[in-house]
Amino acid sequence: MTPLAAVLLLCAQDPLEIFEKTVRPVLVERCYSCHSAGAEKLKAHLLLDTREGLLKGGDLGPSIVPGDPDRSLLIKALRWTDDDLQMPPKKKLPPEVIAAFEAWVRAGAPDPRGGPKKDVDASKAKTHWAFLPPKDVAPPAAGHPIDAFLLAELKKKGLGFSPPADRRTLLRRASFALTGLPPTPEELEADEAWEAAVDRLLASPRYGERWGRHWLDVARYADTKGYVYDDREEARFVHSAAYRDWVVRAFNEDLPYDRFVALQIAADRLGEPKDRVAMGFLTVGPRFINNTHDIIDDRIDTLSRGLLG
């Protein structure tokens, strides 16, 4: 990815996601050894392992000015524009990583580490929709139940349904939604029943490729290990494509969801040897310079946010 493309992508991301996916790992891997409470020798009286430490800064002053990367010493150090302030030392970070730090600071540098704790009002849980048992609700009108509920909500806002779409428009919508690709001119002109067109799109190999990508995002799939600074270590996940292909195949073969999840968590216990590739869900993630505790933390985070959140 080019630096420009990386910047455009970052602009659309949640700044907290930028912090968790890029900023925090770099701070842990490249900065904490010298600038954290656990450092053997704290340098420049600078702590980067808390938000308070970042704002307070060290001998040179505050490390960041939320909302203004150009005035933030941390960004200046990462850019290597000053011969006397170049961090991390020896090897400059890739442009897209520096762009992530800049985007994070520009967005106000949100940082979940530390800060005041909000009191939780347990009594509100009794009326929160997520904790209420589901109820059967009769549709407000005749016809398809989903249409009836939607129409009722639209009427509350003084709106109504759009006119019915023609076949060409419907086919384009279905093709993009199910395969990520537009229909061919021949498909648009074919005398094909609507149900048959949907079945054809669902049977296409492109269906698994399109929808498998969403799950690969949940699994934080990557072809490389992230930050690898030892030239002797292989930076790629040599077999990552096997997990990617397994996910695509699972969607195309309509693998039941419970089996889809179980194999990715415990195929070594539940499946046949050929199924073990599914455990790429756990293993195809950052390596944090082979820090076992950070690797385990990442896998717990991926499992929890992917399946419990």
C-alpha atoms as a PDB file:
ATOM      1  CA  MET A   1       0.000   0.000   0.000  1.00  0.00           C
ATOM      2  CA  THR A   2       1.332   3.444  -0.892  1.00  0.00           C
ATOM      3  CA  PRO A   3       1.617   6.101   1.846  1.00  0.00           C
ATOM      4  CA  LEU A   4      -1.170   8.107   0.167  1.00  0.00           C
ATOM      5  CA  ALA A   5      -3.488   5.106   0.101  1.00  0.00           C
ATOM      6  CA  ALA A   6      -2.657   4.419   3.740  1.00  0.00           C
ATOM      7  CA  VAL A   7      -3.546   7.986   4.701  1.00  0.00           C
ATOM      8  CA  LEU A   8      -6.867   7.818   2.835  1.00  0.00           C
ATOM      9  CA  LEU A   9      -7.681   4.542   4.568  1.00  0.00           C
ATOM     10  CA  LEU A  10      -6.777   5.948   7.989  1.00  0.00           C
ATOM     11  CA  CYS A  11      -9.088   8.920   7.496  1.00  0.00           C
ATOM     12  CA  ALA A  12     -12.044   6.544   7.465  1.00  0.00           C
ATOM     13  CA  GLN A  13     -10.983   4.588  10.569  1.00  0.00           C
ATOM     14  CA  ASP A  14     -11.983   4.992  14.184  1.00  0.00           C
ATOM     15  CA  PRO A  15      -9.019   6.677  15.959  1.00  0.00           C
ATOM     16  CA  LEU A  16      -9.314   4.166  18.814  1.00  0.00           C
ATOM     17  CA  GLU A  17      -8.907   1.372  16.267  1.00  0.00           C
ATOM     18  CA  ILE A  18      -5.817   3.121  14.905  1.00  0.00           C
ATOM     19  CA  PHE A  19      -4.441   3.274  18.448  1.00  0.00           C
ATOM     20  CA  GLU A  20      -5.112  -0.393  19.205  1.00  0.00           C
ATOM     21  CA  LYS A  21      -3.991  -1.790  15.840  1.00  0.00           C
ATOM     22  CA  THR A  22      -0.946   0.377  15.133  1.00  0.00           C
ATOM     23  CA  VAL A  23       0.005   2.916  17.798  1.00  0.00           C
ATOM     24  CA  ARG A  24      -0.081   0.711  20.886  1.00  0.00           C
ATOM     25  CA  PRO A  25       1.847  -2.222  19.282  1.00  0.00           C
ATOM     26  CA  VAL A  26       4.610   0.129  18.098  1.00  0.00           C
ATOM     27  CA  LEU A  27       4.868   1.759  21.519  1.00  0.00           C
ATOM     28  CA  VAL A  28       5.106  -1.668  23.150  1.00  0.00           C
ATOM     29  CA  GLU A  29       7.627  -3.100  20.721  1.00  0.00           C
ATOM     30  CA  ARG A  30       9.831  -0.123  19.990  1.00  0.00           C
ATOM     31  CA  CYS A  31       9.473   2.328  22.904  1.00  0.00           C
ATOM     32  CA  TYR A  32       8.655   0.624  26.206  1.00  0.00           C
ATOM     33  CA  SER A  33      12.159  -0.786  26.683  1.00  0.00           C
ATOM     34  CA  CYS A  34      13.392   2.775  27.330  1.00  0.00           C
ATOM     35  CA  HIS A  35      10.228   4.739  28.108  1.00  0.00           C
ATOM     36  CA  SER A  36       8.001   2.762  30.469  1.00  0.00           C
ATOM     37  CA  ALA A  37       7.675   2.020  34.158  1.00  0.00           C
ATOM     38  CA  GLY A  38       9.226  -1.384  33.497  1.00  0.00           C
ATOM     39  CA  ALA A  39      12.310  -0.046  31.681  1.00  0.00           C
ATOM     40  CA  GLU A  40      15.650  -1.030  33.189  1.00  0.00           C
ATOM     41  CA  LYS A  41      16.827   2.563  32.738  1.00  0.00           C
ATOM     42  CA  LEU A  42      14.239   5.250  32.038  1.00  0.00           C
ATOM     43  CA  LYS A  43      15.536   7.639  29.388  1.00  0.00           C
ATOM     44  CA  ALA A  44      14.791  11.381  29.223  1.00  0.00           C
ATOM     45  CA  HIS A  45      12.318  10.953  32.132  1.00  0.00           C
ATOM     46  CA  LEU A  46       9.767  10.066  29.449  1.00  0.00           C
ATOM     47  CA  LEU A  47       6.985   7.542  30.042  1.00  0.00           C
ATOM     48  CA  LEU A  48       4.980   6.338  27.053  1.00  0.00           C
ATOM     49  CA  ASP A  49       3.064   3.507  28.725  1.00  0.00           C
ATOM     50  CA  THR A  50       0.249   5.767  29.962  1.00  0.00           C
ATOM     51  CA  ARG A  51      -1.759   8.596  28.449  1.00  0.00           C
ATOM     52  CA  GLU A  52      -0.693  10.830  31.322  1.00  0.00           C
ATOM     53  CA  GLY A  53       2.960  10.105  30.518  1.00  0.00           C
ATOM     54  CA  LEU A  54       2.450  11.013  26.867  1.00  0.00           C
ATOM     55  CA  LEU A  55       0.800  14.315  27.747  1.00  0.00           C
ATOM     56  CA  LYS A  56       3.338  15.208  30.439  1.00  0.00           C
ATOM     57  CA  GLY A  57       6.342  14.247  28.324  1.00  0.00           C
ATOM     58  CA  GLY A  58       9.938  14.209  29.460  1.00  0.00           C
ATOM     59  CA  ASP A  59      12.979  16.447  29.470  1.00  0.00           C
ATOM     60  CA  LEU A  60      11.935  18.126  26.191  1.00  0.00           C
ATOM     61  CA  GLY A  61       8.319  18.749  27.164  1.00  0.00           C
ATOM     62  CA  PRO A  62       4.931  17.161  26.289  1.00  0.00           C
ATOM     63  CA  SER A  63       5.190  14.320  23.799  1.00  0.00           C
ATOM     64  CA  ILE A  64       1.900  15.019  22.058  1.00  0.00           C
ATOM     65  CA  VAL A  65      -0.398  17.962  21.490  1.00  0.00           C
ATOM     66  CA  PRO A  66      -3.796  16.333  20.821  1.00  0.00           C
ATOM     67  CA  GLY A  67      -5.180  17.568  17.521  1.00  0.00           C
ATOM     68  CA  ASP A  68      -1.863  18.977  16.265  1.00  0.00           C
ATOM     69  CA  PRO A  69       0.699  16.424  15.022  1.00  0.00           C
ATOM     70  CA  ASP A  70       3.039  19.149  13.736  1.00  0.00           C
ATOM     71  CA  ARG A  71       3.503  20.473  17.280  1.00  0.00           C
ATOM     72  CA  SER A  72       3.872  17.023  18.832  1.00  0.00           C
ATOM     73  CA  LEU A  73       7.417  15.979  19.748  1.00  0.00           C
ATOM     74  CA  LEU A  74       6.508  12.322  19.336  1.00  0.00           C
ATOM     75  CA  ILE A  75       5.563  12.857  15.692  1.00  0.00           C
ATOM     76  CA  LYS A  76       8.666  14.984  15.111  1.00  0.00           C
ATOM     77  CA  ALA A  77      10.805  12.164  16.500  1.00  0.00           C
ATOM     78  CA  LEU A  78       9.099   9.561  14.288  1.00  0.00           C
ATOM     79  CA  ARG A  79       9.527  11.708  11.161  1.00  0.00           C
ATOM     80  CA  TRP A  80      13.307  11.961  11.650  1.00  0.00           C
ATOM     81  CA  THR A  81      13.295  15.599  10.506  1.00  0.00           C
ATOM     82  CA  ASP A  82      15.654  16.637  13.324  1.00  0.00           C
ATOM     83  CA  ASP A  83      19.106  15.056  13.495  1.00  0.00           C
ATOM     84  CA  ASP A  84      19.002  15.262  17.298  1.00  0.00           C
ATOM     85  CA  LEU A  85      15.561  13.685  17.681  1.00  0.00           C
ATOM     86  CA  GLN A  86      15.107  10.442  15.756  1.00  0.00           C
ATOM     87  CA  MET A  87      13.025   7.662  17.278  1.00  0.00           C
ATOM     88  CA  PRO A  88      13.012   4.745  17.294  1.00  0.00           C
ATOM     89  CA  PRO A  89      16.798   4.789  16.870  1.00  0.00           C
ATOM     90  CA  LYS A  90      18.661   2.929  14.127  1.00  0.00           C
ATOM     91  CA  LYS A  91      15.626   2.168  11.927  1.00  0.00           C
ATOM     92  CA  LYS A  92      12.876   4.591  10.912  1.00  0.00           C
ATOM     93  CA  LEU A  93       9.287   3.356  10.983  1.00  0.00           C
ATOM     94  CA  PRO A  94       7.503   2.761   7.639  1.00  0.00           C
ATOM     95  CA  PRO A  95       5.647   5.802   6.198  1.00  0.00           C
ATOM     96  CA  GLU A  96       2.232   4.203   6.663  1.00  0.00           C
ATOM     97  CA  VAL A  97       2.931   3.624  10.371  1.00  0.00           C
ATOM     98  CA  ILE A  98       4.019   7.247  10.844  1.00  0.00           C
ATOM     99  CA  ALA A  99       0.848   8.294   9.002  1.00  0.00           C
ATOM    100  CA  ALA A 100      -1.173   6.241  11.500  1.00  0.00           C
ATOM    101  CA  PHE A 101       0.433   8.067  14.434  1.00  0.00           C
ATOM    102  CA  GLU A 102      -0.283  11.413  12.745  1.00  0.00           C
ATOM    103  CA  ALA A 103      -3.922  10.480  12.107  1.00  0.00           C
ATOM    104  CA  TRP A 104      -4.299   9.344  15.719  1.00  0.00           C
ATOM    105  CA  VAL A 105      -2.877  12.589  17.144  1.00  0.00           C
ATOM    106  CA  ARG A 106      -4.908  14.673  14.681  1.00  0.00           C
ATOM    107  CA  ALA A 107      -8.058  12.929  15.937  1.00  0.00           C
ATOM    108  CA  GLY A 108      -7.280  13.978  19.521  1.00  0.00           C
ATOM    109  CA  ALA A 109      -5.018  11.054  20.492  1.00  0.00           C
ATOM    110  CA  PRO A 110      -7.718   8.965  22.225  1.00  0.00           C
ATOM    111  CA  ASP A 111      -6.053   6.525  24.591  1.00  0.00           C
ATOM    112  CA  PRO A 112      -7.976   3.990  26.712  1.00  0.00           C
ATOM    113  CA  ARG A 113      -4.993   3.418  29.012  1.00  0.00           C
ATOM    114  CA  GLY A 114      -5.757   4.938  32.400  1.00  0.00           C
ATOM    115  CA  GLY A 115      -8.040   7.916  32.850  1.00  0.00           C
ATOM    116  CA  PRO A 116     -11.033   8.341  35.166  1.00  0.00           C
ATOM    117  CA  LYS A 117     -13.353   5.381  35.557  1.00  0.00           C
ATOM    118  CA  LYS A 118     -17.030   5.918  34.872  1.00  0.00           C
ATOM    119  CA  ASP A 119     -19.444   4.622  37.480  1.00  0.00           C
ATOM    120  CA  VAL A 120     -21.803   2.014  36.089  1.00  0.00           C
ATOM    121  CA  ASP A 121     -25.471   2.304  37.020  1.00  0.00           C
ATOM    122  CA  ALA A 122     -26.451  -1.341  37.382  1.00  0.00           C
ATOM    123  CA  SER A 123     -30.132  -0.453  37.686  1.00  0.00           C
ATOM    124  CA  LYS A 124     -30.225   0.659  34.040  1.00  0.00           C
ATOM    125  CA  ALA A 125     -29.376  -2.880  32.928  1.00  0.00           C
ATOM    126  CA  LYS A 126     -32.911  -3.930  33.846  1.00  0.00           C
ATOM    127  CA  THR A 127     -34.369  -1.806  31.057  1.00  0.00           C
ATOM    128  CA  HIS A 128     -31.555  -2.031  28.491  1.00  0.00           C
ATOM    129  CA  TRP A 129     -32.726  -3.814  25.343  1.00  0.00           C
ATOM    130  CA  ALA A 130     -29.764  -6.223  25.337  1.00  0.00           C
ATOM    131  CA  PHE A 131     -30.855  -7.709  28.673  1.00  0.00           C
ATOM    132  CA  LEU A 132     -34.568  -7.934  28.021  1.00  0.00           C
ATOM    133  CA  PRO A 133     -36.032 -11.262  26.855  1.00  0.00           C
ATOM    134  CA  PRO A 134     -37.303 -11.217  23.253  1.00  0.00           C
ATOM    135  CA  LYS A 135     -41.016 -10.893  22.713  1.00  0.00           C
ATOM    136  CA  ASP A 136     -43.312 -11.824  19.863  1.00  0.00           C
ATOM    137  CA  VAL A 137     -44.614  -8.630  18.275  1.00  0.00           C
ATOM    138  CA  ALA A 138     -47.387  -8.765  15.728  1.00  0.00           C
ATOM    139  CA  PRO A 139     -46.597  -6.956  12.451  1.00  0.00           C
ATOM    140  CA  PRO A 140     -48.391  -3.596  12.324  1.00  0.00           C
ATOM    141  CA  ALA A 141     -50.003  -4.368   8.961  1.00  0.00           C
ATOM    142  CA  ALA A 142     -50.656  -7.122   6.447  1.00  0.00           C
ATOM    143  CA  GLY A 143     -48.032  -8.233   3.946  1.00  0.00           C
ATOM    144  CA  HIS A 144     -44.449  -9.274   4.523  1.00  0.00           C
ATOM    145  CA  PRO A 145     -43.630  -8.744   8.248  1.00  0.00           C
ATOM    146  CA  ILE A 146     -40.292  -7.038   7.596  1.00  0.00           C
ATOM    147  CA  ASP A 147     -41.865  -4.646   5.094  1.00  0.00           C
ATOM    148  CA  ALA A 148     -44.631  -3.904   7.575  1.00  0.00           C
ATOM    149  CA  PHE A 149     -42.212  -3.009  10.378  1.00  0.00           C
ATOM    150  CA  LEU A 150     -40.106  -0.871   8.051  1.00  0.00           C
ATOM    151  CA  LEU A 151     -43.115   0.942   6.676  1.00  0.00           C
ATOM    152  CA  ALA A 152     -44.343   1.686  10.194  1.00  0.00           C
ATOM    153  CA  GLU A 153     -40.996   3.237  11.109  1.00  0.00           C
ATOM    154  CA  LEU A 154     -40.876   5.234   7.885  1.00  0.00           C
ATOM    155  CA  LYS A 155     -44.372   6.597   8.509  1.00  0.00           C
ATOM    156  CA  LYS A 156     -43.274   7.841  11.933  1.00  0.00           C
ATOM    157  CA  LYS A 157     -40.739   9.995  10.088  1.00  0.00           C
ATOM    158  CA  GLY A 158     -43.170  11.092   7.402  1.00  0.00           C
ATOM    159  CA  LEU A 159     -41.537   8.891   4.798  1.00  0.00           C
ATOM    160  CA  GLY A 160     -42.565   5.970   2.652  1.00  0.00           C
ATOM    161  CA  PHE A 161     -41.106   3.219   0.509  1.00  0.00           C
ATOM    162  CA  SER A 162     -39.209   4.088  -2.659  1.00  0.00           C
ATOM    163  CA  PRO A 163     -40.767   2.932  -5.936  1.00  0.00           C
ATOM    164  CA  PRO A 164     -40.017  -0.743  -6.733  1.00  0.00           C
ATOM    165  CA  ALA A 165     -36.671  -1.214  -8.486  1.00  0.00           C
ATOM    166  CA  ASP A 166     -36.564  -2.687 -11.969  1.00  0.00           C
ATOM    167  CA  ARG A 167     -34.946  -6.044 -12.698  1.00  0.00           C
ATOM    168  CA  ARG A 168     -31.669  -4.498 -13.959  1.00  0.00           C
ATOM    169  CA  THR A 169     -31.238  -2.490 -10.755  1.00  0.00           C
ATOM    170  CA  LEU A 170     -32.104  -5.471  -8.556  1.00  0.00           C
ATOM    171  CA  LEU A 171     -29.613  -7.679 -10.365  1.00  0.00           C
ATOM    172  CA  ARG A 172     -26.847  -5.108  -9.949  1.00  0.00           C
ATOM    173  CA  ARG A 173     -27.603  -4.781  -6.236  1.00  0.00           C
ATOM    174  CA  ALA A 174     -27.655  -8.538  -5.721  1.00  0.00           C
ATOM    175  CA  SER A 175     -24.471  -9.075  -7.721  1.00  0.00           C
ATOM    176  CA  PHE A 176     -22.516  -6.447  -5.796  1.00  0.00           C
ATOM    177  CA  ALA A 177     -23.914  -7.625  -2.457  1.00  0.00           C
ATOM    178  CA  LEU A 178     -23.230 -11.325  -2.970  1.00  0.00           C
ATOM    179  CA  THR A 179     -20.060 -11.355  -5.087  1.00  0.00           C
ATOM    180  CA  GLY A 180     -18.651  -7.835  -4.908  1.00  0.00           C
ATOM    181  CA  LEU A 181     -18.694  -7.667  -8.699  1.00  0.00           C
ATOM    182  CA  PRO A 182     -21.078  -6.099 -11.215  1.00  0.00           C
ATOM    183  CA  PRO A 183     -23.144  -8.350 -13.479  1.00  0.00           C
ATOM    184  CA  THR A 184     -21.843  -8.879 -16.985  1.00  0.00           C
ATOM    185  CA  PRO A 185     -23.708  -7.319 -19.933  1.00  0.00           C
ATOM    186  CA  GLU A 186     -24.834 -10.824 -20.917  1.00  0.00           C
ATOM    187  CA  GLU A 187     -26.278 -11.446 -17.440  1.00  0.00           C
ATOM    188  CA  LEU A 188     -28.135  -8.138 -17.513  1.00  0.00           C
ATOM    189  CA  GLU A 189     -29.731  -8.987 -20.829  1.00  0.00           C
ATOM    190  CA  ALA A 190     -30.429 -12.681 -20.114  1.00  0.00           C
ATOM    191  CA  ASP A 191     -33.995 -13.873 -19.695  1.00  0.00           C
ATOM    192  CA  GLU A 192     -33.323 -15.336 -16.244  1.00  0.00           C
ATOM    193  CA  ALA A 193     -35.793 -15.686 -13.408  1.00  0.00           C
ATOM    194  CA  TRP A 194     -34.959 -13.571 -10.354  1.00  0.00           C
ATOM    195  CA  GLU A 195     -34.771 -16.611  -8.039  1.00  0.00           C
ATOM    196  CA  ALA A 196     -32.454 -18.383 -10.470  1.00  0.00           C
ATOM    197  CA  ALA A 197     -30.175 -15.332 -10.620  1.00  0.00           C
ATOM    198  CA  VAL A 198     -29.862 -15.235  -6.822  1.00  0.00           C
ATOM    199  CA  ASP A 199     -29.139 -18.981  -6.695  1.00  0.00           C
ATOM    200  CA  ARG A 200     -26.464 -18.536  -9.368  1.00  0.00           C
ATOM    201  CA  LEU A 201     -24.769 -15.742  -7.411  1.00  0.00           C
ATOM    202  CA  LEU A 202     -24.845 -17.747  -4.195  1.00  0.00           C
ATOM    203  CA  ALA A 203     -23.278 -20.708  -6.007  1.00  0.00           C
ATOM    204  CA  SER A 204     -20.490 -18.576  -7.457  1.00  0.00           C
ATOM    205  CA  PRO A 205     -16.952 -19.019  -6.016  1.00  0.00           C
ATOM    206  CA  ARG A 206     -16.893 -15.228  -5.816  1.00  0.00           C
ATOM    207  CA  TYR A 207     -19.525 -15.420  -3.051  1.00  0.00           C
ATOM    208  CA  GLY A 208     -17.057 -16.966  -0.597  1.00  0.00           C
ATOM    209  CA  GLU A 209     -14.336 -14.550  -1.626  1.00  0.00           C
ATOM    210  CA  ARG A 210     -16.640 -11.586  -1.062  1.00  0.00           C
ATOM    211  CA  TRP A 211     -18.072 -12.591   2.320  1.00  0.00           C
ATOM    212  CA  GLY A 212     -15.006 -14.431   3.571  1.00  0.00           C
ATOM    213  CA  ARG A 213     -13.201 -11.088   3.557  1.00  0.00           C
ATOM    214  CA  HIS A 214     -15.499  -9.830   6.316  1.00  0.00           C
ATOM    215  CA  TRP A 215     -14.543 -12.739   8.553  1.00  0.00           C
ATOM    216  CA  LEU A 216     -10.855 -12.336   7.725  1.00  0.00           C
ATOM    217  CA  ASP A 217     -11.137  -8.790   9.095  1.00  0.00           C
ATOM    218  CA  VAL A 218     -12.535 -10.221  12.339  1.00  0.00           C
ATOM    219  CA  ALA A 219      -9.628 -12.668  12.415  1.00  0.00           C
ATOM    220  CA  ARG A 220      -7.163  -9.750  11.795  1.00  0.00           C
ATOM    221  CA  TYR A 221      -5.814 -11.827   8.890  1.00  0.00           C
ATOM    222  CA  ALA A 222      -2.441 -10.819   7.455  1.00  0.00           C
ATOM    223  CA  ASP A 223       0.197 -12.299   5.203  1.00  0.00           C
ATOM    224  CA  THR A 224       3.011 -10.951   7.380  1.00  0.00           C
ATOM    225  CA  LYS A 225       3.840 -10.916  11.085  1.00  0.00           C
ATOM    226  CA  GLY A 226       3.908  -7.147  11.432  1.00  0.00           C
ATOM    227  CA  TYR A 227       7.046  -5.593  12.839  1.00  0.00           C
ATOM    228  CA  VAL A 228       9.987  -7.942  12.309  1.00  0.00           C
ATOM    229  CA  TYR A 229      13.353  -6.295  12.804  1.00  0.00           C
ATOM    230  CA  ASP A 230      15.650  -9.309  12.766  1.00  0.00           C
ATOM    231  CA  ASP A 231      16.646  -9.976   9.148  1.00  0.00           C
ATOM    232  CA  ARG A 232      17.123 -13.626  10.015  1.00  0.00           C
ATOM    233  CA  GLU A 233      13.448 -14.102  10.844  1.00  0.00           C
ATOM    234  CA  GLU A 234      10.894 -14.805   8.128  1.00  0.00           C
ATOM    235  CA  ALA A 235       8.526 -11.820   8.023  1.00  0.00           C
ATOM    236  CA  ARG A 236       5.781 -13.691   6.170  1.00  0.00           C
ATOM    237  CA  PHE A 237       3.272 -16.195   7.433  1.00  0.00           C
ATOM    238  CA  VAL A 238       4.271 -18.822   4.910  1.00  0.00           C
ATOM    239  CA  HIS A 239       1.015 -20.775   5.236  1.00  0.00           C
ATOM    240  CA  SER A 240      -1.419 -17.897   5.852  1.00  0.00           C
ATOM    241  CA  ALA A 241      -3.030 -18.341   2.429  1.00  0.00           C
ATOM    242  CA  ALA A 242      -4.138 -21.820   3.473  1.00  0.00           C
ATOM    243  CA  TYR A 243      -6.268 -20.333   6.261  1.00  0.00           C
ATOM    244  CA  ARG A 244      -7.625 -17.682   3.884  1.00  0.00           C
ATOM    245  CA  ASP A 245      -8.635 -20.359   1.381  1.00  0.00           C
ATOM    246  CA  TRP A 246     -10.257 -22.414   4.158  1.00  0.00           C
ATOM    247  CA  VAL A 247     -12.454 -19.465   5.128  1.00  0.00           C
ATOM    248  CA  VAL A 248     -13.467 -18.845   1.507  1.00  0.00           C
ATOM    249  CA  ARG A 249     -14.229 -22.531   1.031  1.00  0.00           C
ATOM    250  CA  ALA A 250     -16.275 -22.644   4.247  1.00  0.00           C
ATOM    251  CA  PHE A 251     -18.537 -19.871   2.960  1.00  0.00           C
ATOM    252  CA  ASN A 252     -18.888 -21.442  -0.463  1.00  0.00           C
ATOM    253  CA  GLU A 253     -19.699 -24.858   1.021  1.00  0.00           C
ATOM    254  CA  ASP A 254     -22.192 -23.338   3.484  1.00  0.00           C
ATOM    255  CA  LEU A 255     -20.394 -24.795   6.499  1.00  0.00           C
ATOM    256  CA  PRO A 256     -22.717 -24.505   9.536  1.00  0.00           C
ATOM    257  CA  TYR A 257     -21.734 -21.543  11.701  1.00  0.00           C
ATOM    258  CA  ASP A 258     -21.282 -23.554  14.895  1.00  0.00           C
ATOM    259  CA  ARG A 259     -18.863 -25.881  13.109  1.00  0.00           C
ATOM    260  CA  PHE A 260     -17.173 -22.896  11.424  1.00  0.00           C
ATOM    261  CA  VAL A 261     -16.450 -21.346  14.821  1.00  0.00           C
ATOM    262  CA  ALA A 262     -15.552 -24.558  16.652  1.00  0.00           C
ATOM    263  CA  LEU A 263     -12.918 -25.592  14.121  1.00  0.00           C
ATOM    264  CA  GLN A 264     -11.205 -22.214  14.281  1.00  0.00           C
ATOM    265  CA  ILE A 265     -10.898 -22.451  18.050  1.00  0.00           C
ATOM    266  CA  ALA A 266     -10.224 -26.155  18.595  1.00  0.00           C
ATOM    267  CA  ALA A 267      -9.712 -28.036  15.333  1.00  0.00           C
ATOM    268  CA  ASP A 268      -6.779 -29.851  16.961  1.00  0.00           C
ATOM    269  CA  ARG A 269      -9.313 -31.415  19.345  1.00  0.00           C
ATOM    270  CA  LEU A 270     -12.455 -31.627  17.257  1.00  0.00           C
ATOM    271  CA  GLY A 271     -11.521 -32.051  13.616  1.00  0.00           C
ATOM    272  CA  GLU A 272      -9.482 -34.194  11.307  1.00  0.00           C
ATOM    273  CA  PRO A 273      -5.864 -33.241  10.512  1.00  0.00           C
ATOM    274  CA  LYS A 274      -7.026 -31.463   7.337  1.00  0.00           C
ATOM    275  CA  ASP A 275      -9.186 -29.149   9.461  1.00  0.00           C
ATOM    276  CA  ARG A 276      -6.320 -27.806  11.557  1.00  0.00           C
ATOM    277  CA  VAL A 277      -5.655 -25.063   9.057  1.00  0.00           C
ATOM    278  CA  ALA A 278      -8.813 -23.431  10.465  1.00  0.00           C
ATOM    279  CA  MET A 279      -6.829 -22.487  13.571  1.00  0.00           C
ATOM    280  CA  GLY A 280      -5.200 -19.751  11.542  1.00  0.00           C
ATOM    281  CA  PHE A 281      -7.933 -17.705  13.261  1.00  0.00           C
ATOM    282  CA  LEU A 282      -5.718 -17.773  16.352  1.00  0.00           C
ATOM    283  CA  THR A 283      -2.246 -18.011  14.873  1.00  0.00           C
ATOM    284  CA  VAL A 284      -2.223 -15.568  11.940  1.00  0.00           C
ATOM    285  CA  GLY A 285      -1.707 -12.470  14.076  1.00  0.00           C
ATOM    286  CA  PRO A 286       1.003 -10.055  15.237  1.00  0.00           C
ATOM    287  CA  ARG A 287       4.125 -11.557  16.793  1.00  0.00           C
ATOM    288  CA  PHE A 288       5.208  -8.613  19.001  1.00  0.00           C
ATOM    289  CA  ILE A 289       8.895  -9.521  18.571  1.00  0.00           C
ATOM    290  CA  ASN A 290       7.943 -13.023  19.748  1.00  0.00           C
ATOM    291  CA  ASN A 291       6.792 -11.804  23.173  1.00  0.00           C
ATOM    292  CA  THR A 292       4.683 -14.751  24.322  1.00  0.00           C
ATOM    293  CA  HIS A 293       2.508 -12.738  26.701  1.00  0.00           C
ATOM    294  CA  ASP A 294       1.578 -10.154  24.049  1.00  0.00           C
ATOM    295  CA  ILE A 295       0.835 -12.910  21.520  1.00  0.00           C
ATOM    296  CA  ILE A 296      -1.508 -14.645  23.974  1.00  0.00           C
ATOM    297  CA  ASP A 297      -3.157 -11.324  24.843  1.00  0.00           C
ATOM    298  CA  ASP A 298      -3.783 -10.654  21.138  1.00  0.00           C
ATOM    299  CA  ARG A 299      -5.382 -14.065  20.660  1.00  0.00           C
ATOM    300  CA  ILE A 300      -7.642 -13.613  23.676  1.00  0.00           C
ATOM    301  CA  ASP A 301      -8.613 -10.169  22.376  1.00  0.00           C
ATOM    302  CA  THR A 302      -9.373 -11.525  18.892  1.00  0.00           C
ATOM    303  CA  LEU A 303     -11.448 -14.386  20.263  1.00  0.00           C
ATOM    304  CA  SER A 304     -13.349 -12.179  22.712  1.00  0.00           C
ATOM    305  CA  ARG A 305     -14.117  -9.284  20.380  1.00  0.00           C
ATOM    306  CA  GLY A 306     -14.744 -11.557  17.393  1.00  0.00           C
ATOM    307  CA  LEU A 307     -17.148 -13.960  19.072  1.00  0.00           C
ATOM    308  CA  LEU A 308     -18.362 -12.442  22.328  1.00  0.00           C
ATOM    309  CA  GLY A 309     -18.662  -8.744  21.485  1.00  0.00           C
END
